[in-house]
Amino acid sequence: MGKVTLSPKILDVLDFGTPSAERDISRGLEKYFVESDAYQRVQSGAKTILMGNRGAGKSAIFQVLAKRERAAGSHVIELSPEDYSYELLSSTMEAEDAGSWAKQGAYAAAWKYLIYVLVMKALARKGMRLTKGGGREIHHYIRDNHGAHQLGPLSLLVSYLKRLEAIKLGPIEAGLRTRELDRLYKLEEIHNLLPALEKVLDGQRVIVLVDELDRGWDSSEDAKAFVSGLFQACVSINGLHKNLRVYVSLRQELYDDIPALYDDAQKHRDLLEKIYWSEESLLELIAKRIRYSAHEKGFDVEALERAGDRACWSAVFASPPGQARDAAFRYMVDRTLYRPREIIQFCSEALAHARSRTSKLPVPYSAIERCEYGYSAERIRDIAAEYRSQYPGLLSVFEVFRSRPHTFDREELELLCLELAVGEIPTRGTESWLPHCYPNDLIEVLWRSGLLTAQADEDGTFLGSHQVQHLNVAAVKRFRIHEMFRSSLGIAAAKG
């Protein structure tokens, strides 16, 4: 379709939504949600472990899934950051070497206990028929054991863990300890209720969503056992009944930071769904938000509805004279790691700059250029914070590249990384990991975190870790600083 021209008044009401899915769901997220293949596989229950980087859209998938399941009459249980605290767990539980008790197994048992109790409470609270189909037994158990004093999810989890800890580390005779531990690990308290629960689930559906496990992540012994135990519990519970599904979202960095989780995941790779975005899917995301925003404010957007995604984009963002109509999109998407949160943030900031200087659409290209530094500075801080548990002080490593050339041969990059590792170039807060890094290891860290792109083939194309799933970085001869980082680091644009 040809060029689309929008009313200047749309500039004042255009809204790309918020970067937070939790806030966006009440503003229309479901209407402009991009139903990716990943979403379809999660919605069908084929995939129950959702993985992706921060801002990749994990919470958006969970928010839309929850809303649609509730609309269909399902019971939805959402566990959020307020429901767990790694700091509290670490201060409450004894260390694993205090008696050599295996925490991952204990956390898995406690998670299964917690989730089953929450499911039964939700079913009983929603007025299920208590006289048949297993409901009576469940009602009596909930009434007698969880009725008078309502413990929050974390308190319920910790109470079960403390029961395991007391037996494992307490002054109990060995044979009795074994029997008591076996009873707790097998969930004997509720095990006889599972057949009744299966009967109830024949006629009702329950989904449990555990999101934002990275909030407050401290990489402690208990934090790792908490997440890896949850993974085990999720796999086990999902085998009970097709109408009970537990979904967990994990950030890639957490997955990489927990060896036990990685080992378990190899056995259940078919349950993992990794979120990936392409340039085209990000363009679709923004075009959907443009159409929805204009429509909700009462404008006649028939032309936008008929227009393709690129024409829709071009109606809002202008490209430089003489360049392709989607040049502005190319410029902005090249300054992301292909995460929805980033393109939404960049577009929103460009729109805000434009409103202070013009009263018409499309947004001039100069507005994009003016807001790039602030966007770049914020993203570089966020990326460093994303890796703070694995690579504390990473921001000071990024700063070492300030005002340097944008492209490096492998030899000069290895030399720079060696100087960083041995301390010839000072950094802050990196003592726990940087001195132990070989140059090749540090290059891999910088590529995976997004700072570096790698020349992957003879035609000169530089690719980031967000563009290719597997790349032998050790064999790459040339590297380039990613465009998203350059403005903040004062690195001149590449030519050619």
Protein backbone atom coordinates (compact mmCIF):
# COMPACT_ATOMS: atom_id res chain seq x y z
CA MET A 1 0.00 0.00 0.00
CA GLY A 2 1.11 3.58 -0.62
CA LYS A 3 1.92 6.31 1.86
CA VAL A 4 -0.43 6.77 4.83
CA THR A 5 -1.02 10.27 6.20
CA LEU A 6 -2.35 10.66 9.74
CA SER A 7 -4.12 13.57 11.40
CA PRO A 8 -1.71 15.79 13.35
CA LYS A 9 -3.99 15.38 16.37
CA ILE A 10 -2.94 11.75 16.68
CA LEU A 11 0.50 12.94 17.81
CA ASP A 12 -0.97 14.08 21.14
CA VAL A 13 -2.63 10.75 21.94
CA LEU A 14 -0.26 8.21 20.42
CA ASP A 15 0.92 5.73 23.03
CA PHE A 16 3.17 2.70 22.59
CA GLY A 17 2.20 1.25 25.95
CA THR A 18 4.44 0.66 28.94
CA PRO A 19 7.56 -1.52 29.07
CA SER A 20 5.93 -3.40 31.97
CA ALA A 21 3.42 -6.10 31.00
CA GLU A 22 1.89 -5.98 34.50
CA ARG A 23 0.82 -2.36 33.92
CA ASP A 24 0.15 -2.81 30.22
CA ILE A 25 -2.43 -5.57 30.64
CA SER A 26 -4.99 -3.05 31.94
CA ARG A 27 -4.28 -0.69 29.04
CA GLY A 28 -5.05 -3.09 26.21
CA LEU A 29 -2.08 -5.46 25.97
CA GLU A 30 -4.33 -8.34 24.96
CA LYS A 31 -5.61 -6.33 21.96
CA TYR A 32 -2.16 -5.52 20.54
CA PHE A 33 -0.36 -8.61 21.78
CA VAL A 34 1.75 -10.39 19.16
CA GLU A 35 0.65 -14.02 19.21
CA SER A 36 3.96 -15.62 18.42
CA ASP A 37 4.61 -19.30 17.89
CA ALA A 38 6.16 -19.31 21.37
CA TYR A 39 2.90 -18.06 22.87
CA GLN A 40 0.91 -20.73 21.03
CA ARG A 41 3.12 -23.50 22.36
CA VAL A 42 2.88 -22.18 25.92
CA GLN A 43 -0.88 -21.65 25.69
CA SER A 44 -1.39 -25.21 24.47
CA GLY A 45 0.61 -26.58 27.42
CA ALA A 46 3.24 -28.11 25.17
CA LYS A 47 5.86 -25.83 26.76
CA THR A 48 5.80 -24.94 30.45
CA ILE A 49 9.24 -23.44 31.11
CA LEU A 50 9.56 -20.03 29.46
CA MET A 51 13.07 -18.65 29.03
CA GLY A 52 14.35 -15.34 27.74
CA ASN A 53 16.34 -12.23 28.56
CA ARG A 54 14.92 -9.36 30.57
CA GLY A 55 12.43 -7.41 28.48
CA ALA A 56 11.91 -10.25 25.99
CA GLY A 57 8.20 -10.56 26.74
CA LYS A 58 7.94 -13.43 29.23
CA SER A 59 5.62 -11.51 31.55
CA ALA A 60 3.50 -10.35 28.61
CA ILE A 61 2.88 -13.97 27.63
CA PHE A 62 1.92 -14.82 31.22
CA GLN A 63 -0.35 -11.77 31.59
CA VAL A 64 -2.28 -12.53 28.40
CA LEU A 65 -2.44 -16.24 29.20
CA ALA A 66 -3.84 -15.49 32.67
CA LYS A 67 -6.48 -13.11 31.35
CA ARG A 68 -7.67 -15.49 28.67
CA GLU A 69 -7.71 -18.49 31.01
CA ARG A 70 -9.83 -16.57 33.53
CA ALA A 71 -12.21 -15.54 30.76
CA ALA A 72 -12.57 -19.23 29.85
CA GLY A 73 -13.47 -20.11 33.45
CA SER A 74 -10.11 -21.51 34.57
CA HIS A 75 -8.70 -20.95 38.05
CA VAL A 76 -5.48 -18.92 37.79
CA ILE A 77 -2.89 -18.74 40.56
CA GLU A 78 -0.16 -16.14 40.06
CA LEU A 79 2.96 -16.13 42.24
CA SER A 80 4.78 -12.82 42.01
CA PRO A 81 8.00 -11.34 43.52
CA GLU A 82 6.03 -10.36 46.64
CA ASP A 83 5.51 -14.07 47.28
CA TYR A 84 9.17 -14.99 47.64
CA SER A 85 12.32 -13.43 49.09
CA TYR A 86 15.77 -14.89 48.56
CA GLU A 87 17.20 -12.81 51.39
CA LEU A 88 14.65 -14.21 53.82
CA LEU A 89 15.32 -17.77 52.66
CA SER A 90 19.06 -17.39 53.15
CA SER A 91 18.62 -15.94 56.63
CA THR A 92 16.08 -18.60 57.64
CA MET A 93 17.53 -21.86 56.35
CA GLU A 94 20.65 -23.63 57.57
CA ALA A 95 23.53 -23.96 55.12
CA GLU A 96 23.61 -27.11 53.00
CA ASP A 97 26.89 -28.28 54.55
CA ALA A 98 25.35 -28.15 58.04
CA GLY A 99 24.55 -31.82 58.07
CA SER A 100 25.02 -32.35 54.32
CA TRP A 101 21.36 -32.21 53.44
CA ALA A 102 20.45 -31.89 49.76
CA LYS A 103 18.60 -28.61 49.47
CA GLN A 104 17.43 -29.01 45.90
CA GLY A 105 15.39 -32.09 46.82
CA ALA A 106 14.00 -30.35 49.89
CA TYR A 107 12.94 -27.31 47.89
CA ALA A 108 11.37 -29.52 45.23
CA ALA A 109 9.27 -31.28 47.88
CA ALA A 110 8.32 -27.97 49.51
CA TRP A 111 7.33 -26.48 46.16
CA LYS A 112 5.15 -29.48 45.32
CA TYR A 113 3.49 -29.23 48.72
CA LEU A 114 2.91 -25.48 48.33
CA ILE A 115 1.50 -25.68 44.80
CA TYR A 116 -0.80 -28.60 45.54
CA VAL A 117 -2.15 -26.80 48.62
CA LEU A 118 -2.67 -23.57 46.66
CA VAL A 119 -4.48 -25.49 43.92
CA MET A 120 -6.76 -27.23 46.42
CA LYS A 121 -7.46 -23.96 48.22
CA ALA A 122 -8.34 -22.26 44.95
CA LEU A 123 -10.72 -25.04 43.97
CA ALA A 124 -12.40 -25.10 47.39
CA ARG A 125 -12.69 -21.31 47.46
CA LYS A 126 -14.33 -21.21 44.05
CA GLY A 127 -17.34 -23.17 45.27
CA MET A 128 -16.70 -26.61 43.82
CA ARG A 129 -19.28 -29.30 44.48
CA LEU A 130 -18.17 -30.75 47.78
CA THR A 131 -20.34 -33.84 47.82
CA LYS A 132 -18.95 -35.67 44.84
CA GLY A 133 -15.98 -36.00 42.52
CA GLY A 134 -13.41 -35.89 45.33
CA GLY A 135 -14.40 -32.45 46.57
CA ARG A 136 -15.40 -33.47 50.08
CA GLU A 137 -11.95 -34.83 51.01
CA ILE A 138 -10.20 -31.74 49.67
CA HIS A 139 -12.61 -29.42 51.45
CA HIS A 140 -12.08 -31.18 54.78
CA TYR A 141 -8.30 -31.09 54.43
CA ILE A 142 -8.21 -27.39 53.60
CA ARG A 143 -10.67 -26.58 56.39
CA ASP A 144 -8.77 -28.57 59.00
CA ASN A 145 -5.22 -27.65 58.02
CA HIS A 146 -5.27 -24.32 56.21
CA GLY A 147 -8.51 -22.65 57.23
CA ALA A 148 -8.03 -20.81 60.51
CA HIS A 149 -4.58 -19.33 59.96
CA GLN A 150 -3.88 -18.26 56.40
CA LEU A 151 -0.16 -18.45 55.71
CA GLY A 152 1.20 -16.63 52.67
CA PRO A 153 2.87 -18.70 49.94
CA LEU A 154 6.41 -18.00 51.15
CA SER A 155 5.53 -18.79 54.77
CA LEU A 156 3.88 -22.04 53.69
CA LEU A 157 6.96 -22.99 51.66
CA VAL A 158 9.36 -22.13 54.48
CA SER A 159 7.30 -24.01 57.06
CA TYR A 160 7.61 -27.20 55.02
CA LEU A 161 11.32 -26.63 54.51
CA LYS A 162 11.80 -26.13 58.24
CA ARG A 163 10.05 -29.43 58.91
CA LEU A 164 12.54 -31.16 56.59
CA GLU A 165 15.44 -29.26 58.13
CA ALA A 166 14.42 -30.15 61.69
CA ILE A 167 14.40 -33.86 60.88
CA LYS A 168 17.56 -33.81 58.78
CA LEU A 169 19.63 -31.78 61.23
CA GLY A 170 17.88 -32.55 64.52
CA PRO A 171 18.90 -35.08 67.22
CA ILE A 172 16.79 -37.92 65.83
CA GLU A 173 17.74 -41.58 65.67
CA ALA A 174 18.92 -42.57 62.18
CA GLY A 175 16.18 -45.06 61.35
CA LEU A 176 13.41 -42.72 62.49
CA ARG A 177 15.02 -39.85 60.59
CA THR A 178 14.96 -41.87 57.38
CA ARG A 179 11.30 -42.77 57.80
CA GLU A 180 10.26 -39.20 58.64
CA LEU A 181 12.22 -37.74 55.75
CA ASP A 182 10.72 -40.27 53.37
CA ARG A 183 7.26 -39.28 54.60
CA LEU A 184 7.90 -35.58 53.97
CA TYR A 185 9.63 -36.05 50.62
CA LYS A 186 6.71 -38.19 49.42
CA LEU A 187 4.20 -35.56 50.62
CA GLU A 188 2.43 -38.15 52.75
CA GLU A 189 0.24 -35.44 54.30
CA ILE A 190 -1.52 -34.80 50.99
CA HIS A 191 -0.55 -37.79 48.86
CA ASN A 192 -3.82 -39.60 49.52
CA LEU A 193 -5.71 -36.51 48.29
CA LEU A 194 -4.17 -36.57 44.81
CA PRO A 195 -6.67 -39.10 43.38
CA ALA A 196 -9.49 -36.87 44.66
CA LEU A 197 -7.77 -33.86 43.10
CA GLU A 198 -7.55 -35.68 39.78
CA LYS A 199 -11.30 -36.28 39.86
CA VAL A 200 -12.02 -32.62 40.52
CA LEU A 201 -9.66 -31.62 37.70
CA ASP A 202 -11.68 -33.73 35.27
CA GLY A 203 -14.18 -30.89 35.27
CA GLN A 204 -12.08 -27.85 36.13
CA ARG A 205 -8.85 -26.33 34.88
CA VAL A 206 -6.17 -24.71 37.04
CA ILE A 207 -3.02 -22.94 35.89
CA VAL A 208 -0.22 -21.71 38.13
CA LEU A 209 2.11 -18.96 36.90
CA VAL A 210 5.45 -18.30 38.62
CA ASP A 211 7.03 -15.19 37.15
CA GLU A 212 9.90 -12.76 37.74
CA LEU A 213 12.15 -15.13 39.66
CA ASP A 214 15.01 -12.72 38.92
CA ARG A 215 13.57 -10.05 41.24
CA GLY A 216 15.98 -9.81 44.17
CA TRP A 217 18.16 -12.64 42.82
CA ASP A 218 21.32 -12.94 44.90
CA SER A 219 22.89 -16.14 43.50
CA SER A 220 22.91 -17.65 47.00
CA GLU A 221 22.77 -21.34 47.84
CA ASP A 222 19.09 -21.02 48.80
CA ALA A 223 18.20 -18.95 45.74
CA LYS A 224 19.63 -21.61 43.44
CA ALA A 225 17.92 -24.44 45.34
CA PHE A 226 14.67 -22.44 45.31
CA VAL A 227 14.63 -22.16 41.51
CA SER A 228 16.01 -25.60 40.65
CA GLY A 229 13.58 -27.18 43.12
CA LEU A 230 10.74 -25.27 41.49
CA PHE A 231 11.81 -26.62 38.10
CA GLN A 232 11.66 -30.20 39.42
CA ALA A 233 8.27 -29.58 41.05
CA CYS A 234 6.86 -28.07 37.86
CA VAL A 235 7.82 -31.11 35.80
CA SER A 236 6.38 -33.50 38.41
CA ILE A 237 3.07 -31.68 38.98
CA ASN A 238 2.40 -31.27 35.27
CA GLY A 239 2.27 -35.03 35.00
CA LEU A 240 -0.74 -35.31 37.32
CA HIS A 241 -3.54 -34.14 35.02
CA LYS A 242 -3.90 -32.33 31.70
CA ASN A 243 -6.10 -29.69 33.38
CA LEU A 244 -3.39 -28.69 35.84
CA ARG A 245 -0.48 -26.75 34.41
CA VAL A 246 2.36 -25.01 36.24
CA TYR A 247 4.27 -22.46 34.17
CA VAL A 248 7.60 -20.95 35.16
CA SER A 249 9.46 -18.09 33.51
CA LEU A 250 13.23 -17.94 33.83
CA ARG A 251 15.68 -15.33 32.76
CA GLN A 252 18.55 -16.72 30.72
CA GLU A 253 21.10 -15.50 33.27
CA LEU A 254 19.44 -17.45 36.09
CA TYR A 255 19.46 -20.57 33.97
CA ASP A 256 23.16 -20.12 33.24
CA ASP A 257 23.90 -19.41 36.93
CA ILE A 258 22.43 -22.67 38.29
CA PRO A 259 24.40 -25.79 37.28
CA ALA A 260 21.80 -28.17 38.77
CA LEU A 261 19.08 -26.47 36.74
CA TYR A 262 21.07 -26.84 33.54
CA ASP A 263 21.62 -30.54 34.25
CA ASP A 264 17.89 -31.10 34.85
CA ALA A 265 16.94 -29.11 31.77
CA GLN A 266 18.85 -31.49 29.54
CA LYS A 267 16.39 -34.22 30.55
CA HIS A 268 13.36 -32.03 29.86
CA ARG A 269 14.49 -29.94 26.90
CA ASP A 270 11.14 -30.55 25.22
CA LEU A 271 9.42 -28.45 27.93
CA LEU A 272 11.63 -25.37 27.42
CA GLU A 273 10.47 -22.48 25.25
CA LYS A 274 13.08 -19.83 24.51
CA ILE A 275 11.77 -16.47 23.35
CA TYR A 276 13.36 -15.01 20.24
CA TRP A 277 12.33 -11.91 18.29
CA SER A 278 13.17 -10.86 14.75
CA GLU A 279 13.14 -7.46 13.09
CA GLU A 280 9.82 -8.30 11.42
CA SER A 281 8.13 -9.39 14.64
CA LEU A 282 9.30 -6.21 16.41
CA LEU A 283 7.92 -4.14 13.54
CA GLU A 284 4.61 -5.98 13.89
CA LEU A 285 4.60 -5.22 17.61
CA ILE A 286 4.98 -1.47 17.09
CA ALA A 287 2.49 -1.35 14.20
CA LYS A 288 -0.15 -3.11 16.33
CA ARG A 289 0.35 -0.55 19.09
CA ILE A 290 0.09 2.37 16.68
CA ARG A 291 -3.21 1.07 15.28
CA TYR A 292 -4.66 0.29 18.69
CA SER A 293 -3.65 3.63 20.22
CA ALA A 294 -5.17 5.67 17.39
CA HIS A 295 -8.34 3.57 17.35
CA GLU A 296 -8.87 3.81 21.12
CA LYS A 297 -8.69 7.60 20.99
CA GLY A 298 -11.55 7.70 18.49
CA PHE A 299 -9.67 8.45 15.28
CA ASP A 300 -10.70 7.03 11.95
CA VAL A 301 -7.83 4.65 11.30
CA GLU A 302 -9.23 2.70 8.38
CA ALA A 303 -6.12 3.54 6.35
CA LEU A 304 -3.90 2.21 9.14
CA GLU A 305 -5.93 -0.97 9.38
CA ARG A 306 -5.45 -1.61 5.66
CA ALA A 307 -1.80 -0.58 5.63
CA GLY A 308 1.06 -3.00 6.02
CA ASP A 309 3.32 -2.77 9.06
CA ARG A 310 6.00 -0.77 7.27
CA ALA A 311 3.51 1.78 5.94
CA CYS A 312 2.05 2.05 9.43
CA TRP A 313 5.52 2.72 10.85
CA SER A 314 6.32 5.31 8.17
CA ALA A 315 3.11 7.20 8.98
CA VAL A 316 4.55 7.88 12.46
CA PHE A 317 8.33 8.01 12.01
CA ALA A 318 10.07 9.87 9.19
CA SER A 319 13.29 8.66 7.61
CA PRO A 320 16.15 10.93 6.48
CA PRO A 321 15.69 12.52 3.05
CA GLY A 322 16.71 10.24 0.21
CA GLN A 323 16.60 7.07 2.29
CA ALA A 324 14.12 4.21 2.29
CA ARG A 325 10.82 4.80 4.08
CA ASP A 326 11.70 2.28 6.77
CA ALA A 327 15.22 3.65 7.36
CA ALA A 328 14.16 5.03 10.75
CA PHE A 329 12.99 1.58 11.79
CA ARG A 330 16.26 0.03 10.63
CA TYR A 331 18.18 2.63 12.62
CA MET A 332 16.20 2.05 15.81
CA VAL A 333 15.99 -1.74 15.67
CA ASP A 334 19.77 -1.91 15.08
CA ARG A 335 20.08 -0.21 18.47
CA THR A 336 18.26 -2.97 20.30
CA LEU A 337 19.04 -6.52 21.32
CA TYR A 338 15.74 -7.52 19.68
CA ARG A 339 13.76 -7.13 22.90
CA PRO A 340 10.26 -5.61 22.87
CA ARG A 341 11.00 -3.46 25.92
CA GLU A 342 13.85 -1.75 24.08
CA ILE A 343 12.00 -0.85 20.89
CA ILE A 344 9.01 0.38 22.94
CA GLN A 345 11.31 2.54 25.08
CA PHE A 346 13.16 4.00 22.09
CA CYS A 347 9.92 4.80 20.22
CA SER A 348 8.33 6.35 23.30
CA GLU A 349 11.33 8.59 23.94
CA ALA A 350 11.45 9.74 20.31
CA LEU A 351 7.73 10.53 20.48
CA ALA A 352 8.20 12.55 23.68
CA HIS A 353 11.03 14.57 22.08
CA ALA A 354 8.92 15.24 19.00
CA ARG A 355 5.93 16.53 20.98
CA SER A 356 8.05 19.30 22.49
CA ARG A 357 9.11 20.57 19.07
CA THR A 358 6.41 19.82 16.51
CA SER A 359 2.65 19.42 16.20
CA LYS A 360 2.45 17.05 13.27
CA LEU A 361 3.32 13.58 12.11
CA PRO A 362 5.50 11.86 11.13
CA VAL A 363 8.01 12.30 13.95
CA PRO A 364 11.11 13.92 12.42
CA TYR A 365 14.24 11.81 12.21
CA SER A 366 16.07 14.42 14.28
CA ALA A 367 13.91 13.49 17.30
CA ILE A 368 15.25 9.93 17.12
CA GLU A 369 18.83 11.18 17.00
CA ARG A 370 18.30 13.58 19.91
CA CYS A 371 17.00 10.92 22.28
CA GLU A 372 19.54 8.26 21.37
CA TYR A 373 22.11 9.21 24.02
CA GLY A 374 19.64 8.97 26.91
CA TYR A 375 18.27 5.69 25.59
CA SER A 376 21.79 4.27 25.15
CA ALA A 377 22.90 5.34 28.63
CA GLU A 378 19.87 3.75 30.26
CA ARG A 379 20.23 0.50 28.32
CA ILE A 380 23.92 0.10 29.15
CA ARG A 381 23.12 0.45 32.86
CA ASP A 382 20.25 -2.02 32.59
CA ILE A 383 22.36 -4.60 30.77
CA ALA A 384 25.09 -4.37 33.41
CA ALA A 385 22.46 -4.74 36.16
CA GLU A 386 21.04 -7.77 34.39
CA TYR A 387 24.34 -9.61 34.91
CA ARG A 388 25.12 -8.28 38.39
CA SER A 389 24.94 -11.69 40.09
CA GLN A 390 27.29 -13.39 37.62
CA TYR A 391 29.52 -10.46 36.67
CA PRO A 392 29.35 -7.70 39.30
CA GLY A 393 30.99 -4.49 38.18
CA LEU A 394 30.33 -5.25 34.49
CA LEU A 395 29.44 -1.60 33.90
CA SER A 396 33.01 -0.58 34.72
CA VAL A 397 34.23 -3.12 32.14
CA PHE A 398 31.91 -1.56 29.56
CA GLU A 399 33.36 1.86 30.45
CA VAL A 400 36.83 0.68 29.42
CA PHE A 401 35.63 0.84 25.80
CA ARG A 402 34.69 4.52 26.08
CA SER A 403 35.96 6.58 23.12
CA ARG A 404 37.80 3.60 21.66
CA PRO A 405 37.40 2.47 18.02
CA HIS A 406 34.17 0.67 17.22
CA THR A 407 35.93 -2.31 15.58
CA PHE A 408 38.66 -4.59 16.95
CA ASP A 409 40.81 -7.30 15.47
CA ARG A 410 40.95 -10.36 17.69
CA GLU A 411 44.56 -9.79 18.75
CA GLU A 412 43.98 -6.24 19.97
CA LEU A 413 40.76 -7.26 21.74
CA GLU A 414 42.51 -10.16 23.46
CA LEU A 415 45.27 -7.81 24.63
CA LEU A 416 42.71 -5.38 26.03
CA CYS A 417 40.92 -8.22 27.83
CA LEU A 418 44.22 -9.48 29.25
CA GLU A 419 44.99 -6.01 30.61
CA LEU A 420 41.58 -5.98 32.25
CA ALA A 421 42.03 -9.43 33.80
CA VAL A 422 45.46 -8.72 35.30
CA GLY A 423 44.39 -5.32 36.58
CA GLU A 424 46.55 -3.10 34.34
CA ILE A 425 43.30 -1.34 33.45
CA PRO A 426 41.45 -0.73 36.73
CA THR A 427 37.78 -1.68 37.16
CA ARG A 428 35.41 -1.50 40.14
CA GLY A 429 33.66 -4.36 41.90
CA THR A 430 34.94 -7.11 39.57
CA GLU A 431 37.27 -8.87 42.02
CA SER A 432 35.14 -12.01 42.29
CA TRP A 433 35.36 -12.97 38.62
CA LEU A 434 37.47 -10.77 36.33
CA PRO A 435 40.94 -11.84 37.59
CA HIS A 436 39.96 -15.45 36.83
CA CYS A 437 38.93 -14.71 33.24
CA TYR A 438 41.08 -15.70 30.31
CA PRO A 439 40.85 -13.23 27.40
CA ASN A 440 38.73 -15.63 25.32
CA ASP A 441 36.34 -16.09 28.25
CA LEU A 442 35.93 -12.35 28.69
CA ILE A 443 35.29 -11.90 24.98
CA GLU A 444 32.54 -14.52 25.25
CA VAL A 445 31.02 -12.66 28.23
CA LEU A 446 31.03 -9.36 26.33
CA TRP A 447 29.46 -10.97 23.27
CA ARG A 448 26.74 -12.73 25.25
CA SER A 449 25.93 -9.62 27.25
CA GLY A 450 25.45 -7.69 24.00
CA LEU A 451 28.37 -5.23 24.01
CA LEU A 452 30.16 -6.99 21.16
CA THR A 453 29.00 -8.23 17.80
CA ALA A 454 31.10 -10.76 15.89
CA GLN A 455 31.98 -10.94 12.19
CA ALA A 456 30.54 -14.35 11.50
CA ASP A 457 31.24 -14.79 7.78
CA GLU A 458 33.25 -13.56 4.84
CA ASP A 459 30.68 -10.99 3.68
CA GLY A 460 31.43 -8.81 6.70
CA THR A 461 28.16 -9.25 8.59
CA PHE A 462 28.50 -8.65 12.32
CA LEU A 463 26.09 -10.62 14.51
CA GLY A 464 25.16 -10.33 18.16
CA SER A 465 24.09 -13.09 20.53
CA HIS A 466 20.47 -11.92 20.04
CA GLN A 467 20.68 -12.69 16.32
CA VAL A 468 22.24 -16.14 16.32
CA GLN A 469 21.72 -18.98 18.78
CA HIS A 470 25.05 -20.70 18.23
CA LEU A 471 28.33 -19.15 17.19
CA ASN A 472 31.89 -20.29 17.73
CA VAL A 473 33.11 -16.97 19.13
CA ALA A 474 36.59 -18.41 19.69
CA ALA A 475 37.04 -18.62 15.91
CA VAL A 476 35.91 -15.05 15.15
CA LYS A 477 38.65 -12.67 13.93
CA ARG A 478 36.88 -9.28 14.11
CA PHE A 479 34.48 -7.72 16.58
CA ARG A 480 32.45 -4.53 16.71
CA ILE A 481 30.79 -2.59 19.51
CA HIS A 482 27.02 -2.95 19.25
CA GLU A 483 25.23 0.20 18.10
CA MET A 484 23.07 0.33 21.23
CA PHE A 485 26.14 1.00 23.41
CA ARG A 486 28.00 3.48 21.20
CA SER A 487 26.26 6.75 21.92
CA SER A 488 26.58 6.37 25.67
CA LEU A 489 30.26 5.31 25.38
CA GLY A 490 31.15 8.15 22.99
CA ILE A 491 32.09 5.78 20.16
CA ALA A 492 31.90 7.20 16.65
CA ALA A 493 29.57 5.53 14.17
CA ALA A 494 31.01 2.87 11.87
CA LYS A 495 31.46 3.75 8.22
CA GLY A 496 30.60 1.01 5.79
